[in-house]
Amino acid sequence: HASREFYIGKLEGKECVVVQCGVGK
């Protein structure tokens, strides 16, 4: 989404989504 990769899965049993945002506001 919006030229970014979002990783969806379980971490420590919790539903999570992880993304690297890039530099700047």
PDBML (XML) file of the C-alpha atoms, coordinates in Angstrom:
<?xml version="1.0" encoding="UTF-8" ?>
<PDBx:datablock datablockName="MODEL"
   xmlns:PDBx="http://pdbml.pdb.org/schema/pdbx-v50.xsd"
   xmlns:xsi="http://www.w3.org/2001/XMLSchema-instance"
   xsi:schemaLocation="http://pdbml.pdb.org/schema/pdbx-v50.xsd pdbx-v50.xsd">
   <PDBx:atom_siteCategory>
      <PDBx:atom_site id="1">
         <PDBx:B_iso_or_equiv>0.00</PDBx:B_iso_or_equiv>
         <PDBx:Cartn_x>0.000</PDBx:Cartn_x>
         <PDBx:Cartn_y>0.000</PDBx:Cartn_y>
         <PDBx:Cartn_z>0.000</PDBx:Cartn_z>
         <PDBx:auth_asym_id>A</PDBx:auth_asym_id>
         <PDBx:auth_atom_id>CA</PDBx:auth_atom_id>
         <PDBx:auth_comp_id>HIS</PDBx:auth_comp_id>
         <PDBx:auth_seq_id>1</PDBx:auth_seq_id>
         <PDBx:group_PDB>ATOM</PDBx:group_PDB>
         <PDBx:label_alt_id xsi:nil="true" />
         <PDBx:label_asym_id>A</PDBx:label_asym_id>
         <PDBx:label_atom_id>CA</PDBx:label_atom_id>
         <PDBx:label_comp_id>HIS</PDBx:label_comp_id>
         <PDBx:label_entity_id>1</PDBx:label_entity_id>
         <PDBx:label_seq_id>1</PDBx:label_seq_id>
         <PDBx:occupancy>1.00</PDBx:occupancy>
         <PDBx:pdbx_PDB_model_num>1</PDBx:pdbx_PDB_model_num>
         <PDBx:type_symbol>C</PDBx:type_symbol>
      </PDBx:atom_site>
      <PDBx:atom_site id="2">
         <PDBx:B_iso_or_equiv>0.00</PDBx:B_iso_or_equiv>
         <PDBx:Cartn_x>1.258</PDBx:Cartn_x>
         <PDBx:Cartn_y>3.512</PDBx:Cartn_y>
         <PDBx:Cartn_z>-0.805</PDBx:Cartn_z>
         <PDBx:auth_asym_id>A</PDBx:auth_asym_id>
         <PDBx:auth_atom_id>CA</PDBx:auth_atom_id>
         <PDBx:auth_comp_id>ALA</PDBx:auth_comp_id>
         <PDBx:auth_seq_id>2</PDBx:auth_seq_id>
         <PDBx:group_PDB>ATOM</PDBx:group_PDB>
         <PDBx:label_alt_id xsi:nil="true" />
         <PDBx:label_asym_id>A</PDBx:label_asym_id>
         <PDBx:label_atom_id>CA</PDBx:label_atom_id>
         <PDBx:label_comp_id>ALA</PDBx:label_comp_id>
         <PDBx:label_entity_id>1</PDBx:label_entity_id>
         <PDBx:label_seq_id>2</PDBx:label_seq_id>
         <PDBx:occupancy>1.00</PDBx:occupancy>
         <PDBx:pdbx_PDB_model_num>1</PDBx:pdbx_PDB_model_num>
         <PDBx:type_symbol>C</PDBx:type_symbol>
      </PDBx:atom_site>
      <PDBx:atom_site id="3">
         <PDBx:B_iso_or_equiv>0.00</PDBx:B_iso_or_equiv>
         <PDBx:Cartn_x>4.497</PDBx:Cartn_x>
         <PDBx:Cartn_y>2.070</PDBx:Cartn_y>
         <PDBx:Cartn_z>-2.251</PDBx:Cartn_z>
         <PDBx:auth_asym_id>A</PDBx:auth_asym_id>
         <PDBx:auth_atom_id>CA</PDBx:auth_atom_id>
         <PDBx:auth_comp_id>SER</PDBx:auth_comp_id>
         <PDBx:auth_seq_id>3</PDBx:auth_seq_id>
         <PDBx:group_PDB>ATOM</PDBx:group_PDB>
         <PDBx:label_alt_id xsi:nil="true" />
         <PDBx:label_asym_id>A</PDBx:label_asym_id>
         <PDBx:label_atom_id>CA</PDBx:label_atom_id>
         <PDBx:label_comp_id>SER</PDBx:label_comp_id>
         <PDBx:label_entity_id>1</PDBx:label_entity_id>
         <PDBx:label_seq_id>3</PDBx:label_seq_id>
         <PDBx:occupancy>1.00</PDBx:occupancy>
         <PDBx:pdbx_PDB_model_num>1</PDBx:pdbx_PDB_model_num>
         <PDBx:type_symbol>C</PDBx:type_symbol>
      </PDBx:atom_site>
      <PDBx:atom_site id="4">
         <PDBx:B_iso_or_equiv>0.00</PDBx:B_iso_or_equiv>
         <PDBx:Cartn_x>5.304</PDBx:Cartn_x>
         <PDBx:Cartn_y>0.295</PDBx:Cartn_y>
         <PDBx:Cartn_z>1.028</PDBx:Cartn_z>
         <PDBx:auth_asym_id>A</PDBx:auth_asym_id>
         <PDBx:auth_atom_id>CA</PDBx:auth_atom_id>
         <PDBx:auth_comp_id>ARG</PDBx:auth_comp_id>
         <PDBx:auth_seq_id>4</PDBx:auth_seq_id>
         <PDBx:group_PDB>ATOM</PDBx:group_PDB>
         <PDBx:label_alt_id xsi:nil="true" />
         <PDBx:label_asym_id>A</PDBx:label_asym_id>
         <PDBx:label_atom_id>CA</PDBx:label_atom_id>
         <PDBx:label_comp_id>ARG</PDBx:label_comp_id>
         <PDBx:label_entity_id>1</PDBx:label_entity_id>
         <PDBx:label_seq_id>4</PDBx:label_seq_id>
         <PDBx:occupancy>1.00</PDBx:occupancy>
         <PDBx:pdbx_PDB_model_num>1</PDBx:pdbx_PDB_model_num>
         <PDBx:type_symbol>C</PDBx:type_symbol>
      </PDBx:atom_site>
      <PDBx:atom_site id="5">
         <PDBx:B_iso_or_equiv>0.00</PDBx:B_iso_or_equiv>
         <PDBx:Cartn_x>5.381</PDBx:Cartn_x>
         <PDBx:Cartn_y>-3.334</PDBx:Cartn_y>
         <PDBx:Cartn_z>2.034</PDBx:Cartn_z>
         <PDBx:auth_asym_id>A</PDBx:auth_asym_id>
         <PDBx:auth_atom_id>CA</PDBx:auth_atom_id>
         <PDBx:auth_comp_id>GLU</PDBx:auth_comp_id>
         <PDBx:auth_seq_id>5</PDBx:auth_seq_id>
         <PDBx:group_PDB>ATOM</PDBx:group_PDB>
         <PDBx:label_alt_id xsi:nil="true" />
         <PDBx:label_asym_id>A</PDBx:label_asym_id>
         <PDBx:label_atom_id>CA</PDBx:label_atom_id>
         <PDBx:label_comp_id>GLU</PDBx:label_comp_id>
         <PDBx:label_entity_id>1</PDBx:label_entity_id>
         <PDBx:label_seq_id>5</PDBx:label_seq_id>
         <PDBx:occupancy>1.00</PDBx:occupancy>
         <PDBx:pdbx_PDB_model_num>1</PDBx:pdbx_PDB_model_num>
         <PDBx:type_symbol>C</PDBx:type_symbol>
      </PDBx:atom_site>
      <PDBx:atom_site id="6">
         <PDBx:B_iso_or_equiv>0.00</PDBx:B_iso_or_equiv>
         <PDBx:Cartn_x>3.306</PDBx:Cartn_x>
         <PDBx:Cartn_y>-4.278</PDBx:Cartn_y>
         <PDBx:Cartn_z>5.066</PDBx:Cartn_z>
         <PDBx:auth_asym_id>A</PDBx:auth_asym_id>
         <PDBx:auth_atom_id>CA</PDBx:auth_atom_id>
         <PDBx:auth_comp_id>PHE</PDBx:auth_comp_id>
         <PDBx:auth_seq_id>6</PDBx:auth_seq_id>
         <PDBx:group_PDB>ATOM</PDBx:group_PDB>
         <PDBx:label_alt_id xsi:nil="true" />
         <PDBx:label_asym_id>A</PDBx:label_asym_id>
         <PDBx:label_atom_id>CA</PDBx:label_atom_id>
         <PDBx:label_comp_id>PHE</PDBx:label_comp_id>
         <PDBx:label_entity_id>1</PDBx:label_entity_id>
         <PDBx:label_seq_id>6</PDBx:label_seq_id>
         <PDBx:occupancy>1.00</PDBx:occupancy>
         <PDBx:pdbx_PDB_model_num>1</PDBx:pdbx_PDB_model_num>
         <PDBx:type_symbol>C</PDBx:type_symbol>
      </PDBx:atom_site>
      <PDBx:atom_site id="7">
         <PDBx:B_iso_or_equiv>0.00</PDBx:B_iso_or_equiv>
         <PDBx:Cartn_x>4.073</PDBx:Cartn_x>
         <PDBx:Cartn_y>-7.612</PDBx:Cartn_y>
         <PDBx:Cartn_z>6.745</PDBx:Cartn_z>
         <PDBx:auth_asym_id>A</PDBx:auth_asym_id>
         <PDBx:auth_atom_id>CA</PDBx:auth_atom_id>
         <PDBx:auth_comp_id>TYR</PDBx:auth_comp_id>
         <PDBx:auth_seq_id>7</PDBx:auth_seq_id>
         <PDBx:group_PDB>ATOM</PDBx:group_PDB>
         <PDBx:label_alt_id xsi:nil="true" />
         <PDBx:label_asym_id>A</PDBx:label_asym_id>
         <PDBx:label_atom_id>CA</PDBx:label_atom_id>
         <PDBx:label_comp_id>TYR</PDBx:label_comp_id>
         <PDBx:label_entity_id>1</PDBx:label_entity_id>
         <PDBx:label_seq_id>7</PDBx:label_seq_id>
         <PDBx:occupancy>1.00</PDBx:occupancy>
         <PDBx:pdbx_PDB_model_num>1</PDBx:pdbx_PDB_model_num>
         <PDBx:type_symbol>C</PDBx:type_symbol>
      </PDBx:atom_site>
      <PDBx:atom_site id="8">
         <PDBx:B_iso_or_equiv>0.00</PDBx:B_iso_or_equiv>
         <PDBx:Cartn_x>1.058</PDBx:Cartn_x>
         <PDBx:Cartn_y>-9.208</PDBx:Cartn_y>
         <PDBx:Cartn_z>8.407</PDBx:Cartn_z>
         <PDBx:auth_asym_id>A</PDBx:auth_asym_id>
         <PDBx:auth_atom_id>CA</PDBx:auth_atom_id>
         <PDBx:auth_comp_id>ILE</PDBx:auth_comp_id>
         <PDBx:auth_seq_id>8</PDBx:auth_seq_id>
         <PDBx:group_PDB>ATOM</PDBx:group_PDB>
         <PDBx:label_alt_id xsi:nil="true" />
         <PDBx:label_asym_id>A</PDBx:label_asym_id>
         <PDBx:label_atom_id>CA</PDBx:label_atom_id>
         <PDBx:label_comp_id>ILE</PDBx:label_comp_id>
         <PDBx:label_entity_id>1</PDBx:label_entity_id>
         <PDBx:label_seq_id>8</PDBx:label_seq_id>
         <PDBx:occupancy>1.00</PDBx:occupancy>
         <PDBx:pdbx_PDB_model_num>1</PDBx:pdbx_PDB_model_num>
         <PDBx:type_symbol>C</PDBx:type_symbol>
      </PDBx:atom_site>
      <PDBx:atom_site id="9">
         <PDBx:B_iso_or_equiv>0.00</PDBx:B_iso_or_equiv>
         <PDBx:Cartn_x>1.233</PDBx:Cartn_x>
         <PDBx:Cartn_y>-12.162</PDBx:Cartn_y>
         <PDBx:Cartn_z>10.760</PDBx:Cartn_z>
         <PDBx:auth_asym_id>A</PDBx:auth_asym_id>
         <PDBx:auth_atom_id>CA</PDBx:auth_atom_id>
         <PDBx:auth_comp_id>GLY</PDBx:auth_comp_id>
         <PDBx:auth_seq_id>9</PDBx:auth_seq_id>
         <PDBx:group_PDB>ATOM</PDBx:group_PDB>
         <PDBx:label_alt_id xsi:nil="true" />
         <PDBx:label_asym_id>A</PDBx:label_asym_id>
         <PDBx:label_atom_id>CA</PDBx:label_atom_id>
         <PDBx:label_comp_id>GLY</PDBx:label_comp_id>
         <PDBx:label_entity_id>1</PDBx:label_entity_id>
         <PDBx:label_seq_id>9</PDBx:label_seq_id>
         <PDBx:occupancy>1.00</PDBx:occupancy>
         <PDBx:pdbx_PDB_model_num>1</PDBx:pdbx_PDB_model_num>
         <PDBx:type_symbol>C</PDBx:type_symbol>
      </PDBx:atom_site>
      <PDBx:atom_site id="10">
         <PDBx:B_iso_or_equiv>0.00</PDBx:B_iso_or_equiv>
         <PDBx:Cartn_x>1.565</PDBx:Cartn_x>
         <PDBx:Cartn_y>-13.226</PDBx:Cartn_y>
         <PDBx:Cartn_z>14.384</PDBx:Cartn_z>
         <PDBx:auth_asym_id>A</PDBx:auth_asym_id>
         <PDBx:auth_atom_id>CA</PDBx:auth_atom_id>
         <PDBx:auth_comp_id>LYS</PDBx:auth_comp_id>
         <PDBx:auth_seq_id>10</PDBx:auth_seq_id>
         <PDBx:group_PDB>ATOM</PDBx:group_PDB>
         <PDBx:label_alt_id xsi:nil="true" />
         <PDBx:label_asym_id>A</PDBx:label_asym_id>
         <PDBx:label_atom_id>CA</PDBx:label_atom_id>
         <PDBx:label_comp_id>LYS</PDBx:label_comp_id>
         <PDBx:label_entity_id>1</PDBx:label_entity_id>
         <PDBx:label_seq_id>10</PDBx:label_seq_id>
         <PDBx:occupancy>1.00</PDBx:occupancy>
         <PDBx:pdbx_PDB_model_num>1</PDBx:pdbx_PDB_model_num>
         <PDBx:type_symbol>C</PDBx:type_symbol>
      </PDBx:atom_site>
      <PDBx:atom_site id="11">
         <PDBx:B_iso_or_equiv>0.00</PDBx:B_iso_or_equiv>
         <PDBx:Cartn_x>4.329</PDBx:Cartn_x>
         <PDBx:Cartn_y>-12.086</PDBx:Cartn_y>
         <PDBx:Cartn_z>16.719</PDBx:Cartn_z>
         <PDBx:auth_asym_id>A</PDBx:auth_asym_id>
         <PDBx:auth_atom_id>CA</PDBx:auth_atom_id>
         <PDBx:auth_comp_id>LEU</PDBx:auth_comp_id>
         <PDBx:auth_seq_id>11</PDBx:auth_seq_id>
         <PDBx:group_PDB>ATOM</PDBx:group_PDB>
         <PDBx:label_alt_id xsi:nil="true" />
         <PDBx:label_asym_id>A</PDBx:label_asym_id>
         <PDBx:label_atom_id>CA</PDBx:label_atom_id>
         <PDBx:label_comp_id>LEU</PDBx:label_comp_id>
         <PDBx:label_entity_id>1</PDBx:label_entity_id>
         <PDBx:label_seq_id>11</PDBx:label_seq_id>
         <PDBx:occupancy>1.00</PDBx:occupancy>
         <PDBx:pdbx_PDB_model_num>1</PDBx:pdbx_PDB_model_num>
         <PDBx:type_symbol>C</PDBx:type_symbol>
      </PDBx:atom_site>
      <PDBx:atom_site id="12">
         <PDBx:B_iso_or_equiv>0.00</PDBx:B_iso_or_equiv>
         <PDBx:Cartn_x>4.418</PDBx:Cartn_x>
         <PDBx:Cartn_y>-13.587</PDBx:Cartn_y>
         <PDBx:Cartn_z>20.195</PDBx:Cartn_z>
         <PDBx:auth_asym_id>A</PDBx:auth_asym_id>
         <PDBx:auth_atom_id>CA</PDBx:auth_atom_id>
         <PDBx:auth_comp_id>GLU</PDBx:auth_comp_id>
         <PDBx:auth_seq_id>12</PDBx:auth_seq_id>
         <PDBx:group_PDB>ATOM</PDBx:group_PDB>
         <PDBx:label_alt_id xsi:nil="true" />
         <PDBx:label_asym_id>A</PDBx:label_asym_id>
         <PDBx:label_atom_id>CA</PDBx:label_atom_id>
         <PDBx:label_comp_id>GLU</PDBx:label_comp_id>
         <PDBx:label_entity_id>1</PDBx:label_entity_id>
         <PDBx:label_seq_id>12</PDBx:label_seq_id>
         <PDBx:occupancy>1.00</PDBx:occupancy>
         <PDBx:pdbx_PDB_model_num>1</PDBx:pdbx_PDB_model_num>
         <PDBx:type_symbol>C</PDBx:type_symbol>
      </PDBx:atom_site>
      <PDBx:atom_site id="13">
         <PDBx:B_iso_or_equiv>0.00</PDBx:B_iso_or_equiv>
         <PDBx:Cartn_x>0.863</PDBx:Cartn_x>
         <PDBx:Cartn_y>-14.781</PDBx:Cartn_y>
         <PDBx:Cartn_z>19.572</PDBx:Cartn_z>
         <PDBx:auth_asym_id>A</PDBx:auth_asym_id>
         <PDBx:auth_atom_id>CA</PDBx:auth_atom_id>
         <PDBx:auth_comp_id>GLY</PDBx:auth_comp_id>
         <PDBx:auth_seq_id>13</PDBx:auth_seq_id>
         <PDBx:group_PDB>ATOM</PDBx:group_PDB>
         <PDBx:label_alt_id xsi:nil="true" />
         <PDBx:label_asym_id>A</PDBx:label_asym_id>
         <PDBx:label_atom_id>CA</PDBx:label_atom_id>
         <PDBx:label_comp_id>GLY</PDBx:label_comp_id>
         <PDBx:label_entity_id>1</PDBx:label_entity_id>
         <PDBx:label_seq_id>13</PDBx:label_seq_id>
         <PDBx:occupancy>1.00</PDBx:occupancy>
         <PDBx:pdbx_PDB_model_num>1</PDBx:pdbx_PDB_model_num>
         <PDBx:type_symbol>C</PDBx:type_symbol>
      </PDBx:atom_site>
      <PDBx:atom_site id="14">
         <PDBx:B_iso_or_equiv>0.00</PDBx:B_iso_or_equiv>
         <PDBx:Cartn_x>-0.474</PDBx:Cartn_x>
         <PDBx:Cartn_y>-11.303</PDBx:Cartn_y>
         <PDBx:Cartn_z>18.694</PDBx:Cartn_z>
         <PDBx:auth_asym_id>A</PDBx:auth_asym_id>
         <PDBx:auth_atom_id>CA</PDBx:auth_atom_id>
         <PDBx:auth_comp_id>LYS</PDBx:auth_comp_id>
         <PDBx:auth_seq_id>14</PDBx:auth_seq_id>
         <PDBx:group_PDB>ATOM</PDBx:group_PDB>
         <PDBx:label_alt_id xsi:nil="true" />
         <PDBx:label_asym_id>A</PDBx:label_asym_id>
         <PDBx:label_atom_id>CA</PDBx:label_atom_id>
         <PDBx:label_comp_id>LYS</PDBx:label_comp_id>
         <PDBx:label_entity_id>1</PDBx:label_entity_id>
         <PDBx:label_seq_id>14</PDBx:label_seq_id>
         <PDBx:occupancy>1.00</PDBx:occupancy>
         <PDBx:pdbx_PDB_model_num>1</PDBx:pdbx_PDB_model_num>
         <PDBx:type_symbol>C</PDBx:type_symbol>
      </PDBx:atom_site>
      <PDBx:atom_site id="15">
         <PDBx:B_iso_or_equiv>0.00</PDBx:B_iso_or_equiv>
         <PDBx:Cartn_x>-1.852</PDBx:Cartn_x>
         <PDBx:Cartn_y>-10.234</PDBx:Cartn_y>
         <PDBx:Cartn_z>15.321</PDBx:Cartn_z>
         <PDBx:auth_asym_id>A</PDBx:auth_asym_id>
         <PDBx:auth_atom_id>CA</PDBx:auth_atom_id>
         <PDBx:auth_comp_id>GLU</PDBx:auth_comp_id>
         <PDBx:auth_seq_id>15</PDBx:auth_seq_id>
         <PDBx:group_PDB>ATOM</PDBx:group_PDB>
         <PDBx:label_alt_id xsi:nil="true" />
         <PDBx:label_asym_id>A</PDBx:label_asym_id>
         <PDBx:label_atom_id>CA</PDBx:label_atom_id>
         <PDBx:label_comp_id>GLU</PDBx:label_comp_id>
         <PDBx:label_entity_id>1</PDBx:label_entity_id>
         <PDBx:label_seq_id>15</PDBx:label_seq_id>
         <PDBx:occupancy>1.00</PDBx:occupancy>
         <PDBx:pdbx_PDB_model_num>1</PDBx:pdbx_PDB_model_num>
         <PDBx:type_symbol>C</PDBx:type_symbol>
      </PDBx:atom_site>
      <PDBx:atom_site id="16">
         <PDBx:B_iso_or_equiv>0.00</PDBx:B_iso_or_equiv>
         <PDBx:Cartn_x>0.580</PDBx:Cartn_x>
         <PDBx:Cartn_y>-7.619</PDBx:Cartn_y>
         <PDBx:Cartn_z>14.017</PDBx:Cartn_z>
         <PDBx:auth_asym_id>A</PDBx:auth_asym_id>
         <PDBx:auth_atom_id>CA</PDBx:auth_atom_id>
         <PDBx:auth_comp_id>CYS</PDBx:auth_comp_id>
         <PDBx:auth_seq_id>16</PDBx:auth_seq_id>
         <PDBx:group_PDB>ATOM</PDBx:group_PDB>
         <PDBx:label_alt_id xsi:nil="true" />
         <PDBx:label_asym_id>A</PDBx:label_asym_id>
         <PDBx:label_atom_id>CA</PDBx:label_atom_id>
         <PDBx:label_comp_id>CYS</PDBx:label_comp_id>
         <PDBx:label_entity_id>1</PDBx:label_entity_id>
         <PDBx:label_seq_id>16</PDBx:label_seq_id>
         <PDBx:occupancy>1.00</PDBx:occupancy>
         <PDBx:pdbx_PDB_model_num>1</PDBx:pdbx_PDB_model_num>
         <PDBx:type_symbol>C</PDBx:type_symbol>
      </PDBx:atom_site>
      <PDBx:atom_site id="17">
         <PDBx:B_iso_or_equiv>0.00</PDBx:B_iso_or_equiv>
         <PDBx:Cartn_x>1.449</PDBx:Cartn_x>
         <PDBx:Cartn_y>-5.626</PDBx:Cartn_y>
         <PDBx:Cartn_z>10.926</PDBx:Cartn_z>
         <PDBx:auth_asym_id>A</PDBx:auth_asym_id>
         <PDBx:auth_atom_id>CA</PDBx:auth_atom_id>
         <PDBx:auth_comp_id>VAL</PDBx:auth_comp_id>
         <PDBx:auth_seq_id>17</PDBx:auth_seq_id>
         <PDBx:group_PDB>ATOM</PDBx:group_PDB>
         <PDBx:label_alt_id xsi:nil="true" />
         <PDBx:label_asym_id>A</PDBx:label_asym_id>
         <PDBx:label_atom_id>CA</PDBx:label_atom_id>
         <PDBx:label_comp_id>VAL</PDBx:label_comp_id>
         <PDBx:label_entity_id>1</PDBx:label_entity_id>
         <PDBx:label_seq_id>17</PDBx:label_seq_id>
         <PDBx:occupancy>1.00</PDBx:occupancy>
         <PDBx:pdbx_PDB_model_num>1</PDBx:pdbx_PDB_model_num>
         <PDBx:type_symbol>C</PDBx:type_symbol>
      </PDBx:atom_site>
      <PDBx:atom_site id="18">
         <PDBx:B_iso_or_equiv>0.00</PDBx:B_iso_or_equiv>
         <PDBx:Cartn_x>5.019</PDBx:Cartn_x>
         <PDBx:Cartn_y>-4.391</PDBx:Cartn_y>
         <PDBx:Cartn_z>10.503</PDBx:Cartn_z>
         <PDBx:auth_asym_id>A</PDBx:auth_asym_id>
         <PDBx:auth_atom_id>CA</PDBx:auth_atom_id>
         <PDBx:auth_comp_id>VAL</PDBx:auth_comp_id>
         <PDBx:auth_seq_id>18</PDBx:auth_seq_id>
         <PDBx:group_PDB>ATOM</PDBx:group_PDB>
         <PDBx:label_alt_id xsi:nil="true" />
         <PDBx:label_asym_id>A</PDBx:label_asym_id>
         <PDBx:label_atom_id>CA</PDBx:label_atom_id>
         <PDBx:label_comp_id>VAL</PDBx:label_comp_id>
         <PDBx:label_entity_id>1</PDBx:label_entity_id>
         <PDBx:label_seq_id>18</PDBx:label_seq_id>
         <PDBx:occupancy>1.00</PDBx:occupancy>
         <PDBx:pdbx_PDB_model_num>1</PDBx:pdbx_PDB_model_num>
         <PDBx:type_symbol>C</PDBx:type_symbol>
      </PDBx:atom_site>
      <PDBx:atom_site id="19">
         <PDBx:B_iso_or_equiv>0.00</PDBx:B_iso_or_equiv>
         <PDBx:Cartn_x>6.248</PDBx:Cartn_x>
         <PDBx:Cartn_y>-1.688</PDBx:Cartn_y>
         <PDBx:Cartn_z>8.118</PDBx:Cartn_z>
         <PDBx:auth_asym_id>A</PDBx:auth_asym_id>
         <PDBx:auth_atom_id>CA</PDBx:auth_atom_id>
         <PDBx:auth_comp_id>VAL</PDBx:auth_comp_id>
         <PDBx:auth_seq_id>19</PDBx:auth_seq_id>
         <PDBx:group_PDB>ATOM</PDBx:group_PDB>
         <PDBx:label_alt_id xsi:nil="true" />
         <PDBx:label_asym_id>A</PDBx:label_asym_id>
         <PDBx:label_atom_id>CA</PDBx:label_atom_id>
         <PDBx:label_comp_id>VAL</PDBx:label_comp_id>
         <PDBx:label_entity_id>1</PDBx:label_entity_id>
         <PDBx:label_seq_id>19</PDBx:label_seq_id>
         <PDBx:occupancy>1.00</PDBx:occupancy>
         <PDBx:pdbx_PDB_model_num>1</PDBx:pdbx_PDB_model_num>
         <PDBx:type_symbol>C</PDBx:type_symbol>
      </PDBx:atom_site>
      <PDBx:atom_site id="20">
         <PDBx:B_iso_or_equiv>0.00</PDBx:B_iso_or_equiv>
         <PDBx:Cartn_x>9.379</PDBx:Cartn_x>
         <PDBx:Cartn_y>0.348</PDBx:Cartn_y>
         <PDBx:Cartn_z>7.506</PDBx:Cartn_z>
         <PDBx:auth_asym_id>A</PDBx:auth_asym_id>
         <PDBx:auth_atom_id>CA</PDBx:auth_atom_id>
         <PDBx:auth_comp_id>GLN</PDBx:auth_comp_id>
         <PDBx:auth_seq_id>20</PDBx:auth_seq_id>
         <PDBx:group_PDB>ATOM</PDBx:group_PDB>
         <PDBx:label_alt_id xsi:nil="true" />
         <PDBx:label_asym_id>A</PDBx:label_asym_id>
         <PDBx:label_atom_id>CA</PDBx:label_atom_id>
         <PDBx:label_comp_id>GLN</PDBx:label_comp_id>
         <PDBx:label_entity_id>1</PDBx:label_entity_id>
         <PDBx:label_seq_id>20</PDBx:label_seq_id>
         <PDBx:occupancy>1.00</PDBx:occupancy>
         <PDBx:pdbx_PDB_model_num>1</PDBx:pdbx_PDB_model_num>
         <PDBx:type_symbol>C</PDBx:type_symbol>
      </PDBx:atom_site>
      <PDBx:atom_site id="21">
         <PDBx:B_iso_or_equiv>0.00</PDBx:B_iso_or_equiv>
         <PDBx:Cartn_x>8.158</PDBx:Cartn_x>
         <PDBx:Cartn_y>3.915</PDBx:Cartn_y>
         <PDBx:Cartn_z>7.107</PDBx:Cartn_z>
         <PDBx:auth_asym_id>A</PDBx:auth_asym_id>
         <PDBx:auth_atom_id>CA</PDBx:auth_atom_id>
         <PDBx:auth_comp_id>CYS</PDBx:auth_comp_id>
         <PDBx:auth_seq_id>21</PDBx:auth_seq_id>
         <PDBx:group_PDB>ATOM</PDBx:group_PDB>
         <PDBx:label_alt_id xsi:nil="true" />
         <PDBx:label_asym_id>A</PDBx:label_asym_id>
         <PDBx:label_atom_id>CA</PDBx:label_atom_id>
         <PDBx:label_comp_id>CYS</PDBx:label_comp_id>
         <PDBx:label_entity_id>1</PDBx:label_entity_id>
         <PDBx:label_seq_id>21</PDBx:label_seq_id>
         <PDBx:occupancy>1.00</PDBx:occupancy>
         <PDBx:pdbx_PDB_model_num>1</PDBx:pdbx_PDB_model_num>
         <PDBx:type_symbol>C</PDBx:type_symbol>
      </PDBx:atom_site>
      <PDBx:atom_site id="22">
         <PDBx:B_iso_or_equiv>0.00</PDBx:B_iso_or_equiv>
         <PDBx:Cartn_x>11.137</PDBx:Cartn_x>
         <PDBx:Cartn_y>5.655</PDBx:Cartn_y>
         <PDBx:Cartn_z>5.510</PDBx:Cartn_z>
         <PDBx:auth_asym_id>A</PDBx:auth_asym_id>
         <PDBx:auth_atom_id>CA</PDBx:auth_atom_id>
         <PDBx:auth_comp_id>GLY</PDBx:auth_comp_id>
         <PDBx:auth_seq_id>22</PDBx:auth_seq_id>
         <PDBx:group_PDB>ATOM</PDBx:group_PDB>
         <PDBx:label_alt_id xsi:nil="true" />
         <PDBx:label_asym_id>A</PDBx:label_asym_id>
         <PDBx:label_atom_id>CA</PDBx:label_atom_id>
         <PDBx:label_comp_id>GLY</PDBx:label_comp_id>
         <PDBx:label_entity_id>1</PDBx:label_entity_id>
         <PDBx:label_seq_id>22</PDBx:label_seq_id>
         <PDBx:occupancy>1.00</PDBx:occupancy>
         <PDBx:pdbx_PDB_model_num>1</PDBx:pdbx_PDB_model_num>
         <PDBx:type_symbol>C</PDBx:type_symbol>
      </PDBx:atom_site>
      <PDBx:atom_site id="23">
         <PDBx:B_iso_or_equiv>0.00</PDBx:B_iso_or_equiv>
         <PDBx:Cartn_x>12.819</PDBx:Cartn_x>
         <PDBx:Cartn_y>8.913</PDBx:Cartn_y>
         <PDBx:Cartn_z>6.539</PDBx:Cartn_z>
         <PDBx:auth_asym_id>A</PDBx:auth_asym_id>
         <PDBx:auth_atom_id>CA</PDBx:auth_atom_id>
         <PDBx:auth_comp_id>VAL</PDBx:auth_comp_id>
         <PDBx:auth_seq_id>23</PDBx:auth_seq_id>
         <PDBx:group_PDB>ATOM</PDBx:group_PDB>
         <PDBx:label_alt_id xsi:nil="true" />
         <PDBx:label_asym_id>A</PDBx:label_asym_id>
         <PDBx:label_atom_id>CA</PDBx:label_atom_id>
         <PDBx:label_comp_id>VAL</PDBx:label_comp_id>
         <PDBx:label_entity_id>1</PDBx:label_entity_id>
         <PDBx:label_seq_id>23</PDBx:label_seq_id>
         <PDBx:occupancy>1.00</PDBx:occupancy>
         <PDBx:pdbx_PDB_model_num>1</PDBx:pdbx_PDB_model_num>
         <PDBx:type_symbol>C</PDBx:type_symbol>
      </PDBx:atom_site>
      <PDBx:atom_site id="24">
         <PDBx:B_iso_or_equiv>0.00</PDBx:B_iso_or_equiv>
         <PDBx:Cartn_x>10.901</PDBx:Cartn_x>
         <PDBx:Cartn_y>12.085</PDBx:Cartn_y>
         <PDBx:Cartn_z>7.372</PDBx:Cartn_z>
         <PDBx:auth_asym_id>A</PDBx:auth_asym_id>
         <PDBx:auth_atom_id>CA</PDBx:auth_atom_id>
         <PDBx:auth_comp_id>GLY</PDBx:auth_comp_id>
         <PDBx:auth_seq_id>24</PDBx:auth_seq_id>
         <PDBx:group_PDB>ATOM</PDBx:group_PDB>
         <PDBx:label_alt_id xsi:nil="true" />
         <PDBx:label_asym_id>A</PDBx:label_asym_id>
         <PDBx:label_atom_id>CA</PDBx:label_atom_id>
         <PDBx:label_comp_id>GLY</PDBx:label_comp_id>
         <PDBx:label_entity_id>1</PDBx:label_entity_id>
         <PDBx:label_seq_id>24</PDBx:label_seq_id>
         <PDBx:occupancy>1.00</PDBx:occupancy>
         <PDBx:pdbx_PDB_model_num>1</PDBx:pdbx_PDB_model_num>
         <PDBx:type_symbol>C</PDBx:type_symbol>
      </PDBx:atom_site>
      <PDBx:atom_site id="25">
         <PDBx:B_iso_or_equiv>0.00</PDBx:B_iso_or_equiv>
         <PDBx:Cartn_x>7.505</PDBx:Cartn_x>
         <PDBx:Cartn_y>13.194</PDBx:Cartn_y>
         <PDBx:Cartn_z>8.596</PDBx:Cartn_z>
         <PDBx:auth_asym_id>A</PDBx:auth_asym_id>
         <PDBx:auth_atom_id>CA</PDBx:auth_atom_id>
         <PDBx:auth_comp_id>LYS</PDBx:auth_comp_id>
         <PDBx:auth_seq_id>25</PDBx:auth_seq_id>
         <PDBx:group_PDB>ATOM</PDBx:group_PDB>
         <PDBx:label_alt_id xsi:nil="true" />
         <PDBx:label_asym_id>A</PDBx:label_asym_id>
         <PDBx:label_atom_id>CA</PDBx:label_atom_id>
         <PDBx:label_comp_id>LYS</PDBx:label_comp_id>
         <PDBx:label_entity_id>1</PDBx:label_entity_id>
         <PDBx:label_seq_id>25</PDBx:label_seq_id>
         <PDBx:occupancy>1.00</PDBx:occupancy>
         <PDBx:pdbx_PDB_model_num>1</PDBx:pdbx_PDB_model_num>
         <PDBx:type_symbol>C</PDBx:type_symbol>
      </PDBx:atom_site>
   </PDBx:atom_siteCategory>
</PDBx:datablock>
